[in-house]
C-alpha atoms as a PDB file:
ATOM      1  CA  MET A   1     100.881  50.491 139.938  1.00  0.00           C
ATOM      2  CA  PRO A   2      97.385  50.941 138.321  1.00  0.00           C
ATOM      3  CA  VAL A   3      97.349  51.358 134.673  1.00  0.00           C
ATOM      4  CA  ASP A   4      95.664  54.977 135.845  1.00  0.00           C
ATOM      5  CA  GLN A   5      98.182  56.040 137.947  1.00  0.00           C
ATOM      6  CA  ILE A   6     100.565  55.156 134.499  1.00  0.00           C
ATOM      7  CA  LEU A   7      98.518  57.162 132.435  1.00  0.00           C
ATOM      8  CA  MET A   8      98.339  60.382 134.368  1.00  0.00           C
ATOM      9  CA  LEU A   9     102.164  59.983 134.918  1.00  0.00           C
ATOM     10  CA  VAL A  10     102.500  60.031 131.154  1.00  0.00           C
ATOM     11  CA  PHE A  11     100.300  62.496 130.930  1.00  0.00           C
ATOM     12  CA  TRP A  12     102.052  65.005 133.053  1.00  0.00           C
ATOM     13  CA  THR A  13     105.136  64.697 131.623  1.00  0.00           C
ATOM     14  CA  LEU A  14     103.878  65.303 128.189  1.00  0.00           C
ATOM     15  CA  VAL A  15     102.529  68.619 130.017  1.00  0.00           C
ATOM     16  CA  ILE A  16     105.781  69.369 131.334  1.00  0.00           C
ATOM     17  CA  ILE A  17     107.751  68.741 128.169  1.00  0.00           C
ATOM     18  CA  ALA A  18     105.073  70.483 125.762  1.00  0.00           C
ATOM     19  CA  THR A  19     104.959  74.302 128.094  1.00  0.00           C
ATOM     20  CA  PHE A  20     108.331  73.648 128.540  1.00  0.00           C
ATOM     21  CA  ILE A  21     108.655  73.854 124.624  1.00  0.00           C
ATOM     22  CA  VAL A  22     106.797  76.591 124.380  1.00  0.00           C
ATOM     23  CA  GLU A  23     108.442  78.222 126.749  1.00  0.00           C
ATOM     24  CA  ILE A  24     111.762  78.009 124.802  1.00  0.00           C
ATOM     25  CA  GLU A  25     110.119  79.108 121.493  1.00  0.00           C
ATOM     26  CA  THR A  26     108.585  82.511 122.978  1.00  0.00           C
ATOM     27  CA  ALA A  27     110.741  85.762 124.259  1.00  0.00           C
ATOM     28  CA  GLY A  28     108.111  86.107 127.455  1.00  0.00           C
ATOM     29  CA  LEU A  29     107.463  83.719 130.217  1.00  0.00           C
ATOM     30  CA  VAL A  30     104.496  82.378 128.780  1.00  0.00           C
ATOM     31  CA  SER A  31     104.617  78.994 130.224  1.00  0.00           C
ATOM     32  CA  ILE A  32     106.498  78.469 132.901  1.00  0.00           C
ATOM     33  CA  TRP A  33     104.290  78.670 135.241  1.00  0.00           C
ATOM     34  CA  PHE A  34     102.582  75.603 134.240  1.00  0.00           C
ATOM     35  CA  THR A  35     105.558  73.626 133.397  1.00  0.00           C
ATOM     36  CA  ALA A  36     105.893  74.023 137.519  1.00  0.00           C
ATOM     37  CA  GLY A  37     102.187  73.188 138.132  1.00  0.00           C
ATOM     38  CA  ALA A  38     102.593  70.123 135.743  1.00  0.00           C
ATOM     39  CA  ILE A  39     105.447  69.118 138.140  1.00  0.00           C
ATOM     40  CA  ALA A  40     103.657  69.401 140.998  1.00  0.00           C
ATOM     41  CA  SER A  41     101.285  67.327 139.368  1.00  0.00           C
ATOM     42  CA  LEU A  42     103.410  64.756 138.094  1.00  0.00           C
ATOM     43  CA  ILE A  43     104.732  64.309 142.069  1.00  0.00           C
ATOM     44  CA  ALA A  44     101.184  64.208 143.697  1.00  0.00           C
ATOM     45  CA  ALA A  45     100.567  61.129 140.261  1.00  0.00           C
ATOM     46  CA  GLY A  46     103.433  59.928 141.637  1.00  0.00           C
ATOM     47  CA  PHE A  47     102.074  59.380 145.001  1.00  0.00           C
ATOM     48  CA  GLY A  48      98.291  58.080 144.023  1.00  0.00           C
ATOM     49  CA  ALA A  49      96.613  61.270 144.456  1.00  0.00           C
ATOM     50  CA  SER A  50      92.881  60.702 142.183  1.00  0.00           C
ATOM     51  CA  ILE A  51      92.865  62.909 139.078  1.00  0.00           C
ATOM     52  CA  GLY A  52      90.770  65.227 140.427  1.00  0.00           C
ATOM     53  CA  VAL A  53      93.336  66.552 142.907  1.00  0.00           C
ATOM     54  CA  GLN A  54      96.494  66.401 140.401  1.00  0.00           C
ATOM     55  CA  ILE A  55      94.627  68.961 138.362  1.00  0.00           C
ATOM     56  CA  LEU A  56      93.415  70.747 141.593  1.00  0.00           C
ATOM     57  CA  ILE A  57      97.142  71.297 142.242  1.00  0.00           C
ATOM     58  CA  PHE A  58      97.925  71.728 138.601  1.00  0.00           C
ATOM     59  CA  ILE A  59      95.624  74.839 138.526  1.00  0.00           C
ATOM     60  CA  VAL A  60      96.451  76.482 142.232  1.00  0.00           C
ATOM     61  CA  VAL A  61     100.028  76.042 141.445  1.00  0.00           C
ATOM     62  CA  SER A  62      99.823  77.719 138.220  1.00  0.00           C
ATOM     63  CA  ALA A  63      97.557  80.335 139.580  1.00  0.00           C
ATOM     64  CA  LEU A  64      99.778  81.231 142.790  1.00  0.00           C
ATOM     65  CA  LEU A  65     102.986  81.533 140.618  1.00  0.00           C
ATOM     66  CA  ILE A  66     101.185  83.326 138.176  1.00  0.00           C
ATOM     67  CA  LEU A  67     100.060  85.777 140.340  1.00  0.00           C
ATOM     68  CA  LEU A  68     103.356  85.706 142.678  1.00  0.00           C
ATOM     69  CA  THR A  69     105.795  86.162 140.032  1.00  0.00           C
ATOM     70  CA  ARG A  70     104.023  87.697 137.048  1.00  0.00           C
ATOM     71  CA  PRO A  71     104.045  91.339 138.356  1.00  0.00           C
ATOM     72  CA  LEU A  72     108.052  90.677 139.018  1.00  0.00           C
ATOM     73  CA  SER A  73     108.886  89.340 135.621  1.00  0.00           C
ATOM     74  CA  LYS A  74     106.648  91.889 133.814  1.00  0.00           C
ATOM     75  CA  ARG A  75     109.391  94.662 135.495  1.00  0.00           C
ATOM     76  CA  PHE A  76     112.338  92.442 134.916  1.00  0.00           C
ATOM     77  CA  MET A  77     111.828  92.069 131.303  1.00  0.00           C
ATOM     78  CA  ASN A  78     113.540  94.124 128.571  1.00  0.00           C
ATOM     79  CA  THR A  79     110.639  95.268 126.720  1.00  0.00           C
ATOM     80  CA  SER A  80     111.662  98.738 125.372  1.00  0.00           C
ATOM     81  CA  PHE A  81     111.798  99.722 121.945  1.00  0.00           C
ATOM     82  CA  ILE A  82     115.031 101.026 120.482  1.00  0.00           C
ATOM     83  CA  LYS A  83     115.021 103.073 118.265  1.00  0.00           C
ATOM     84  CA  THR A  84     117.923 103.569 114.989  1.00  0.00           C
ATOM     85  CA  ASN A  85     118.825 105.950 113.113  1.00  0.00           C
ATOM     86  CA  ALA A  86     116.426 104.025 110.129  1.00  0.00           C
ATOM     87  CA  ASP A  87     113.294 105.755 111.793  1.00  0.00           C
ATOM     88  CA  ARG A  88     113.846 108.954 110.554  1.00  0.00           C
ATOM     89  CA  TYR A  89     112.901 107.418 107.012  1.00  0.00           C
ATOM     90  CA  VAL A  90     109.429 107.599 108.166  1.00  0.00           C
ATOM     91  CA  GLY A  91     107.608 110.798 106.810  1.00  0.00           C
ATOM     92  CA  MET A  92     109.853 111.164 104.453  1.00  0.00           C
ATOM     93  CA  ILE A  93     109.526 111.046 100.002  1.00  0.00           C
ATOM     94  CA  GLY A  94     110.590 108.794  98.199  1.00  0.00           C
ATOM     95  CA  GLU A  95     110.350 107.393  94.621  1.00  0.00           C
ATOM     96  CA  VAL A  96     109.786 103.633  93.557  1.00  0.00           C
ATOM     97  CA  THR A  97     112.377 102.312  91.640  1.00  0.00           C
ATOM     98  CA  LYS A  98     110.928  98.465  90.718  1.00  0.00           C
ATOM     99  CA  GLU A  99     106.965  98.332  90.948  1.00  0.00           C
ATOM    100  CA  ILE A 100     105.385  97.656  94.250  1.00  0.00           C
ATOM    101  CA  PRO A 101     102.373  95.110  93.766  1.00  0.00           C
ATOM    102  CA  ASN A 102      99.252  95.621  95.968  1.00  0.00           C
ATOM    103  CA  ASP A 103      99.330  91.981  97.146  1.00  0.00           C
ATOM    104  CA  GLY A 104     101.777  92.538  99.328  1.00  0.00           C
ATOM    105  CA  THR A 105     105.049  91.289  97.644  1.00  0.00           C
ATOM    106  CA  ARG A 106     108.246  93.749  97.550  1.00  0.00           C
ATOM    107  CA  GLY A 107     109.200  96.230  95.547  1.00  0.00           C
ATOM    108  CA  GLU A 108     111.853  98.715  95.845  1.00  0.00           C
ATOM    109  CA  VAL A 109     111.585 102.576  96.290  1.00  0.00           C
ATOM    110  CA  LYS A 110     114.491 105.374  96.865  1.00  0.00           C
ATOM    111  CA  VAL A 111     114.274 107.340  99.134  1.00  0.00           C
ATOM    112  CA  ASP A 112     116.977 110.331 100.319  1.00  0.00           C
ATOM    113  CA  HIS A 113     119.648 108.219  98.172  1.00  0.00           C
ATOM    114  CA  VAL A 114     119.301 104.676  99.434  1.00  0.00           C
ATOM    115  CA  TYR A 115     117.236 101.502  98.016  1.00  0.00           C
ATOM    116  CA  TRP A 116     115.033  99.983 100.180  1.00  0.00           C
ATOM    117  CA  SER A 117     113.060  97.195  99.682  1.00  0.00           C
ATOM    118  CA  ALA A 118     109.182  98.522  99.757  1.00  0.00           C
ATOM    119  CA  TYR A 119     105.832  97.233 100.003  1.00  0.00           C
ATOM    120  CA  THR A 120     101.954  98.653 100.196  1.00  0.00           C
ATOM    121  CA  THR A 121      98.643  97.764 101.832  1.00  0.00           C
ATOM    122  CA  GLY A 122      97.337 100.196  99.163  1.00  0.00           C
ATOM    123  CA  LYS A 123      94.960  98.999  96.726  1.00  0.00           C
ATOM    124  CA  THR A 124      96.774  99.764  93.685  1.00  0.00           C
ATOM    125  CA  THR A 125      99.937  98.940  92.067  1.00  0.00           C
ATOM    126  CA  LEU A 126     102.493 101.843  92.818  1.00  0.00           C
ATOM    127  CA  PRO A 127     104.538 101.679  88.781  1.00  0.00           C
ATOM    128  CA  ILE A 128     108.225 103.262  88.371  1.00  0.00           C
ATOM    129  CA  GLY A 129     108.351 106.811  89.199  1.00  0.00           C
ATOM    130  CA  THR A 130     105.369 106.594  91.442  1.00  0.00           C
ATOM    131  CA  LYS A 131     105.764 109.086  94.400  1.00  0.00           C
ATOM    132  CA  VAL A 132     105.523 107.689  97.985  1.00  0.00           C
ATOM    133  CA  ILE A 133     105.710 108.425 101.505  1.00  0.00           C
ATOM    134  CA  VAL A 134     106.871 106.310 103.813  1.00  0.00           C
ATOM    135  CA  GLN A 135     104.571 105.498 106.340  1.00  0.00           C
ATOM    136  CA  ASP A 136     106.671 103.073 108.404  1.00  0.00           C
ATOM    137  CA  ILE A 137     109.457 100.373 108.697  1.00  0.00           C
ATOM    138  CA  VAL A 138     108.944  96.830 109.055  1.00  0.00           C
ATOM    139  CA  GLY A 139     111.818  95.018 109.487  1.00  0.00           C
ATOM    140  CA  ASN A 140     114.131  95.578 106.527  1.00  0.00           C
ATOM    141  CA  ARG A 141     111.316  96.900 104.265  1.00  0.00           C
ATOM    142  CA  LEU A 142     109.523 100.277 104.359  1.00  0.00           C
ATOM    143  CA  LEU A 143     105.741 100.547 104.180  1.00  0.00           C
ATOM    144  CA  VAL A 144     104.720 103.400 101.757  1.00  0.00           C
ATOM    145  CA  ALA A 145     101.854 105.188 100.493  1.00  0.00           C
ATOM    146  CA  LYS A 146     101.117 106.796  97.486  1.00  0.00           C
ATOM    147  CA  ILE A 147     101.300 110.296  97.200  1.00  0.00           C
ATOM    148  CA  GLU A 148      99.179 112.570  94.522  1.00  0.00           C
ATOM    149  CA  GLU A 149     100.461 115.563  93.138  1.00  0.00           C
ATOM    150  CA  LYS A 150      98.446 118.119  94.819  1.00  0.00           C
ATOM    151  CA  GLU A 151      99.990 117.020  98.143  1.00  0.00           C
ATOM    152  CA  LEU A 152     103.898 117.254  96.934  1.00  0.00           C
END
């Protein structure tokens, strides 16, 4: 078996492994089509096809699978956002109970008798006692903004 054929067998095997790992690590169907294209090219390499033919097979098989299956997979994948009762906090007013730095690190706010980790994207640090409005919930933290006294 020629050296270039062995190298291409190794190359397509590495592409299969890499695209399969990416597929496992991501939530959606991202690279499975490239895995299938690499498998087809690996088979072609095993039969001694030229590098150009292997690359063409990879592109054609991957593109065909994307065109044929991507619309179906998007329709069946669950991409809906599930609302929780925590969404009710968005728009509510709270009070800072632990200083919230403006560098993205967390502080703490009390909203509706519940203590939350919070952060701000504002340009100033929010000291204890500052009135804030909840703009969003990101994970288990609230994104808050300072409320001026005249806004209350």
